[in-house]
Amino acid sequence: MEVAYLLPGQERCVPFAANKNGQKRVEYSYRSERGEFFSCVCRSVEEARNLCEDWMARRERY
């Protein structure tokens, strides 16, 4: 497995092998401007970005 670091504000999306049901997945990672790290596995890049935006909105409140 390749070790790669994200700089603040960077995102990475890596295609994942299909699961046993044949659904494709993507692994999405994001490093916020403050250096906080978010990562998830979703069905699409759009879904992953929406989750990341929700996460960022919750982090801004606290």
PDB file of N, CA and C in Angstrom:
ATOM      1  N   MET A   1       0.836  -1.173   0.000  1.00  0.00           N
ATOM      2  CA  MET A   1       0.000   0.000   0.000  1.00  0.00           C
ATOM      3  C   MET A   1       0.886   1.243   0.000  1.00  0.00           C
ATOM      4  N   GLU A   2       0.532   2.183  -0.819  1.00  0.00           N
ATOM      5  CA  GLU A   2       1.298   3.423  -0.937  1.00  0.00           C
ATOM      6  C   GLU A   2       0.943   4.370   0.209  1.00  0.00           C
ATOM      7  N   VAL A   3       1.950   4.911   0.835  1.00  0.00           N
ATOM      8  CA  VAL A   3       1.735   5.896   1.886  1.00  0.00           C
ATOM      9  C   VAL A   3       1.881   7.269   1.249  1.00  0.00           C
ATOM     10  N   ALA A   4       0.821   8.054   1.327  1.00  0.00           N
ATOM     11  CA  ALA A   4       0.847   9.394   0.758  1.00  0.00           C
ATOM     12  C   ALA A   4       0.218  10.347   1.761  1.00  0.00           C
ATOM     13  N   TYR A   5       0.773  11.506   1.855  1.00  0.00           N
ATOM     14  CA  TYR A   5       0.288  12.488   2.806  1.00  0.00           C
ATOM     15  C   TYR A   5      -0.492  13.571   2.072  1.00  0.00           C
ATOM     16  N   LEU A   6      -1.526  14.067   2.724  1.00  0.00           N
ATOM     17  CA  LEU A   6      -2.301  15.162   2.171  1.00  0.00           C
ATOM     18  C   LEU A   6      -1.911  16.453   2.865  1.00  0.00           C
ATOM     19  N   LEU A   7      -1.695  17.477   2.098  1.00  0.00           N
ATOM     20  CA  LEU A   7      -1.439  18.795   2.646  1.00  0.00           C
ATOM     21  C   LEU A   7      -2.780  19.436   2.997  1.00  0.00           C
ATOM     22  N   PRO A   8      -2.797  20.422   3.868  1.00  0.00           N
ATOM     23  CA  PRO A   8      -4.061  21.083   4.200  1.00  0.00           C
ATOM     24  C   PRO A   8      -4.777  21.583   2.948  1.00  0.00           C
ATOM     25  N   GLY A   9      -6.083  21.268   2.872  1.00  0.00           N
ATOM     26  CA  GLY A   9      -6.899  21.660   1.737  1.00  0.00           C
ATOM     27  C   GLY A   9      -6.913  20.671   0.598  1.00  0.00           C
ATOM     28  N   GLN A  10      -6.138  19.596   0.688  1.00  0.00           N
ATOM     29  CA  GLN A  10      -6.094  18.601  -0.388  1.00  0.00           C
ATOM     30  C   GLN A  10      -7.094  17.490  -0.153  1.00  0.00           C
ATOM     31  N   GLU A  11      -7.551  16.900  -1.276  1.00  0.00           N
ATOM     32  CA  GLU A  11      -8.417  15.731  -1.211  1.00  0.00           C
ATOM     33  C   GLU A  11      -7.856  14.647  -2.116  1.00  0.00           C
ATOM     34  N   ARG A  12      -8.251  13.411  -1.850  1.00  0.00           N
ATOM     35  CA  ARG A  12      -7.810  12.282  -2.662  1.00  0.00           C
ATOM     36  C   ARG A  12      -8.982  11.320  -2.793  1.00  0.00           C
ATOM     37  N   CYS A  13      -9.193  10.821  -3.990  1.00  0.00           N
ATOM     38  CA  CYS A  13     -10.246   9.854  -4.237  1.00  0.00           C
ATOM     39  C   CYS A  13      -9.645   8.675  -4.997  1.00  0.00           C
ATOM     40  N   VAL A  14      -9.749   7.475  -4.402  1.00  0.00           N
ATOM     41  CA  VAL A  14      -9.145   6.287  -4.983  1.00  0.00           C
ATOM     42  C   VAL A  14     -10.236   5.249  -5.255  1.00  0.00           C
ATOM     43  N   PRO A  15     -10.339   4.762  -6.504  1.00  0.00           N
ATOM     44  CA  PRO A  15     -11.331   3.714  -6.784  1.00  0.00           C
ATOM     45  C   PRO A  15     -11.033   2.461  -5.959  1.00  0.00           C
ATOM     46  N   PHE A  16     -12.067   1.854  -5.477  1.00  0.00           N
ATOM     47  CA  PHE A  16     -11.987   0.666  -4.626  1.00  0.00           C
ATOM     48  C   PHE A  16     -12.515  -0.509  -5.430  1.00  0.00           C
ATOM     49  N   ALA A  17     -12.078  -1.707  -5.166  1.00  0.00           N
ATOM     50  CA  ALA A  17     -12.610  -2.887  -5.841  1.00  0.00           C
ATOM     51  C   ALA A  17     -14.099  -3.025  -5.516  1.00  0.00           C
ATOM     52  N   ALA A  18     -14.859  -3.553  -6.460  1.00  0.00           N
ATOM     53  CA  ALA A  18     -16.288  -3.763  -6.242  1.00  0.00           C
ATOM     54  C   ALA A  18     -16.497  -4.772  -5.114  1.00  0.00           C
ATOM     55  N   ASN A  19     -17.581  -4.563  -4.351  1.00  0.00           N
ATOM     56  CA  ASN A  19     -17.872  -5.497  -3.265  1.00  0.00           C
ATOM     57  C   ASN A  19     -18.529  -6.758  -3.822  1.00  0.00           C
ATOM     58  N   LYS A  20     -18.942  -7.655  -2.967  1.00  0.00           N
ATOM     59  CA  LYS A  20     -19.484  -8.943  -3.434  1.00  0.00           C
ATOM     60  C   LYS A  20     -20.794  -8.784  -4.199  1.00  0.00           C
ATOM     61  N   ASN A  21     -21.473  -7.654  -4.045  1.00  0.00           N
ATOM     62  CA  ASN A  21     -22.700  -7.387  -4.792  1.00  0.00           C
ATOM     63  C   ASN A  21     -22.426  -6.694  -6.123  1.00  0.00           C
ATOM     64  N   GLY A  22     -21.171  -6.437  -6.417  1.00  0.00           N
ATOM     65  CA  GLY A  22     -20.784  -5.797  -7.662  1.00  0.00           C
ATOM     66  C   GLY A  22     -20.844  -4.287  -7.641  1.00  0.00           C
ATOM     67  N   GLN A  23     -21.091  -3.698  -6.481  1.00  0.00           N
ATOM     68  CA  GLN A  23     -21.153  -2.238  -6.376  1.00  0.00           C
ATOM     69  C   GLN A  23     -19.745  -1.667  -6.285  1.00  0.00           C
ATOM     70  N   LYS A  24     -19.477  -0.673  -7.119  1.00  0.00           N
ATOM     71  CA  LYS A  24     -18.172  -0.006  -7.078  1.00  0.00           C
ATOM     72  C   LYS A  24     -18.144   0.948  -5.902  1.00  0.00           C
ATOM     73  N   ARG A  25     -16.964   1.141  -5.345  1.00  0.00           N
ATOM     74  CA  ARG A  25     -16.761   2.029  -4.198  1.00  0.00           C
ATOM     75  C   ARG A  25     -15.561   2.919  -4.463  1.00  0.00           C
ATOM     76  N   VAL A  26     -15.526   4.032  -3.741  1.00  0.00           N
ATOM     77  CA  VAL A  26     -14.367   4.924  -3.779  1.00  0.00           C
ATOM     78  C   VAL A  26     -13.949   5.224  -2.349  1.00  0.00           C
ATOM     79  N   GLU A  27     -12.652   5.326  -2.146  1.00  0.00           N
ATOM     80  CA  GLU A  27     -12.125   5.748  -0.851  1.00  0.00           C
ATOM     81  C   GLU A  27     -11.776   7.227  -0.992  1.00  0.00           C
ATOM     82  N   TYR A  28     -12.358   8.046  -0.144  1.00  0.00           N
ATOM     83  CA  TYR A  28     -12.197   9.492  -0.212  1.00  0.00           C
ATOM     84  C   TYR A  28     -11.497   9.969   1.048  1.00  0.00           C
ATOM     85  N   SER A  29     -10.481  10.809   0.891  1.00  0.00           N
ATOM     86  CA  SER A  29      -9.754  11.379   2.023  1.00  0.00           C
ATOM     87  C   SER A  29      -9.617  12.878   1.814  1.00  0.00           C
ATOM     88  N   TYR A  30      -9.678  13.614   2.913  1.00  0.00           N
ATOM     89  CA  TYR A  30      -9.556  15.070   2.857  1.00  0.00           C
ATOM     90  C   TYR A  30      -8.850  15.560   4.109  1.00  0.00           C
ATOM     91  N   ARG A  31      -7.945  16.523   3.944  1.00  0.00           N
ATOM     92  CA  ARG A  31      -7.268  17.162   5.070  1.00  0.00           C
ATOM     93  C   ARG A  31      -7.720  18.615   5.088  1.00  0.00           C
ATOM     94  N   SER A  32      -8.337  19.037   6.193  1.00  0.00           N
ATOM     95  CA  SER A  32      -8.870  20.401   6.287  1.00  0.00           C
ATOM     96  C   SER A  32      -7.733  21.416   6.387  1.00  0.00           C
ATOM     97  N   GLU A  33      -8.098  22.676   6.239  1.00  0.00           N
ATOM     98  CA  GLU A  33      -7.117  23.758   6.359  1.00  0.00           C
ATOM     99  C   GLU A  33      -6.500  23.782   7.754  1.00  0.00           C
ATOM    100  N   ARG A  34      -7.238  23.300   8.750  1.00  0.00           N
ATOM    101  CA  ARG A  34      -6.727  23.237  10.129  1.00  0.00           C
ATOM    102  C   ARG A  34      -5.900  21.978  10.387  1.00  0.00           C
ATOM    103  N   GLY A  35      -5.830  21.086   9.393  1.00  0.00           N
ATOM    104  CA  GLY A  35      -5.036  19.870   9.545  1.00  0.00           C
ATOM    105  C   GLY A  35      -5.822  18.665  10.004  1.00  0.00           C
ATOM    106  N   GLU A  36      -7.150  18.790  10.182  1.00  0.00           N
ATOM    107  CA  GLU A  36      -7.972  17.659  10.599  1.00  0.00           C
ATOM    108  C   GLU A  36      -8.186  16.738   9.402  1.00  0.00           C
ATOM    109  N   PHE A  37      -8.279  15.442   9.670  1.00  0.00           N
ATOM    110  CA  PHE A  37      -8.353  14.443   8.613  1.00  0.00           C
ATOM    111  C   PHE A  37      -9.729  13.799   8.561  1.00  0.00           C
ATOM    112  N   PHE A  38     -10.284  13.660   7.341  1.00  0.00           N
ATOM    113  CA  PHE A  38     -11.557  12.987   7.108  1.00  0.00           C
ATOM    114  C   PHE A  38     -11.322  11.902   6.069  1.00  0.00           C
ATOM    115  N   SER A  39     -11.922  10.720   6.292  1.00  0.00           N
ATOM    116  CA  SER A  39     -11.808   9.630   5.343  1.00  0.00           C
ATOM    117  C   SER A  39     -13.080   8.800   5.377  1.00  0.00           C
ATOM    118  N   CYS A  40     -13.508   8.322   4.198  1.00  0.00           N
ATOM    119  CA  CYS A  40     -14.691   7.467   4.139  1.00  0.00           C
ATOM    120  C   CYS A  40     -14.636   6.609   2.872  1.00  0.00           C
ATOM    121  N   VAL A  41     -15.485   5.594   2.837  1.00  0.00           N
ATOM    122  CA  VAL A  41     -15.666   4.757   1.656  1.00  0.00           C
ATOM    123  C   VAL A  41     -17.130   4.882   1.266  1.00  0.00           C
ATOM    124  N   CYS A  42     -17.390   5.304   0.017  1.00  0.00           N
ATOM    125  CA  CYS A  42     -18.755   5.553  -0.456  1.00  0.00           C
ATOM    126  C   CYS A  42     -18.943   4.968  -1.847  1.00  0.00           C
ATOM    127  N   ARG A  43     -20.200   5.034  -2.306  1.00  0.00           N
ATOM    128  CA  ARG A  43     -20.534   4.534  -3.642  1.00  0.00           C
ATOM    129  C   ARG A  43     -20.099   5.472  -4.753  1.00  0.00           C
ATOM    130  N   SER A  44     -19.988   6.772  -4.449  1.00  0.00           N
ATOM    131  CA  SER A  44     -19.601   7.732  -5.483  1.00  0.00           C
ATOM    132  C   SER A  44     -18.798   8.875  -4.855  1.00  0.00           C
ATOM    133  N   VAL A  45     -18.105   9.594  -5.703  1.00  0.00           N
ATOM    134  CA  VAL A  45     -17.327  10.741  -5.250  1.00  0.00           C
ATOM    135  C   VAL A  45     -18.269  11.822  -4.720  1.00  0.00           C
ATOM    136  N   GLU A  46     -19.400  12.022  -5.380  1.00  0.00           N
ATOM    137  CA  GLU A  46     -20.365  13.038  -4.951  1.00  0.00           C
ATOM    138  C   GLU A  46     -20.881  12.738  -3.542  1.00  0.00           C
ATOM    139  N   GLU A  47     -21.209  11.471  -3.280  1.00  0.00           N
ATOM    140  CA  GLU A  47     -21.674  11.071  -1.949  1.00  0.00           C
ATOM    141  C   GLU A  47     -20.592  11.331  -0.899  1.00  0.00           C
ATOM    142  N   ALA A  48     -19.353  10.997  -1.226  1.00  0.00           N
ATOM    143  CA  ALA A  48     -18.245  11.203  -0.295  1.00  0.00           C
ATOM    144  C   ALA A  48     -18.026  12.688  -0.023  1.00  0.00           C
ATOM    145  N   ARG A  49     -18.099  13.517  -1.057  1.00  0.00           N
ATOM    146  CA  ARG A  49     -17.923  14.964  -0.866  1.00  0.00           C
ATOM    147  C   ARG A  49     -19.048  15.547  -0.019  1.00  0.00           C
ATOM    148  N   ASN A  50     -20.274  15.052  -0.210  1.00  0.00           N
ATOM    149  CA  ASN A  50     -21.393  15.514   0.618  1.00  0.00           C
ATOM    150  C   ASN A  50     -21.160  15.166   2.085  1.00  0.00           C
ATOM    151  N   LEU A  51     -20.684  13.951   2.354  1.00  0.00           N
ATOM    152  CA  LEU A  51     -20.374  13.551   3.730  1.00  0.00           C
ATOM    153  C   LEU A  51     -19.275  14.442   4.313  1.00  0.00           C
ATOM    154  N   CYS A  52     -18.289  14.742   3.509  1.00  0.00           N
ATOM    155  CA  CYS A  52     -17.186  15.587   3.954  1.00  0.00           C
ATOM    156  C   CYS A  52     -17.677  17.004   4.257  1.00  0.00           C
ATOM    157  N   GLU A  53     -18.540  17.535   3.409  1.00  0.00           N
ATOM    158  CA  GLU A  53     -19.094  18.866   3.655  1.00  0.00           C
ATOM    159  C   GLU A  53     -19.905  18.898   4.946  1.00  0.00           C
ATOM    160  N   ASP A  54     -20.693  17.841   5.200  1.00  0.00           N
ATOM    161  CA  ASP A  54     -21.447  17.745   6.453  1.00  0.00           C
ATOM    162  C   ASP A  54     -20.500  17.708   7.644  1.00  0.00           C
ATOM    163  N   TRP A  55     -19.430  16.937   7.517  1.00  0.00           N
ATOM    164  CA  TRP A  55     -18.429  16.823   8.583  1.00  0.00           C
ATOM    165  C   TRP A  55     -17.797  18.191   8.860  1.00  0.00           C
ATOM    166  N   MET A  56     -17.441  18.911   7.786  1.00  0.00           N
ATOM    167  CA  MET A  56     -16.823  20.226   7.959  1.00  0.00           C
ATOM    168  C   MET A  56     -17.796  21.203   8.622  1.00  0.00           C
ATOM    169  N   ALA A  57     -19.056  21.147   8.240  1.00  0.00           N
ATOM    170  CA  ALA A  57     -20.056  22.044   8.831  1.00  0.00           C
ATOM    171  C   ALA A  57     -20.200  21.768  10.324  1.00  0.00           C
ATOM    172  N   ARG A  58     -20.208  20.501  10.720  1.00  0.00           N
ATOM    173  CA  ARG A  58     -20.306  20.150  12.144  1.00  0.00           C
ATOM    174  C   ARG A  58     -19.060  20.605  12.895  1.00  0.00           C
ATOM    175  N   ARG A  59     -17.890  20.494  12.281  1.00  0.00           N
ATOM    176  CA  ARG A  59     -16.638  20.903  12.935  1.00  0.00           C
ATOM    177  C   ARG A  59     -16.606  22.404  13.147  1.00  0.00           C
ATOM    178  N   GLU A  60     -17.180  23.174  12.230  1.00  0.00           N
ATOM    179  CA  GLU A  60     -17.184  24.628  12.336  1.00  0.00           C
ATOM    180  C   GLU A  60     -18.050  25.111  13.497  1.00  0.00           C
ATOM    181  N   ARG A  61     -19.081  24.354  13.850  1.00  0.00           N
ATOM    182  CA  ARG A  61     -19.978  24.752  14.929  1.00  0.00           C
ATOM    183  C   ARG A  61     -19.312  24.660  16.289  1.00  0.00           C
ATOM    184  N   TYR A  62     -18.347  23.756  16.437  1.00  0.00           N
ATOM    185  CA  TYR A  62     -17.769  23.487  17.764  1.00  0.00           C
ATOM    186  C   TYR A  62     -16.396  24.052  17.930  1.00  0.00           C
TER     187      TYR A  62
END
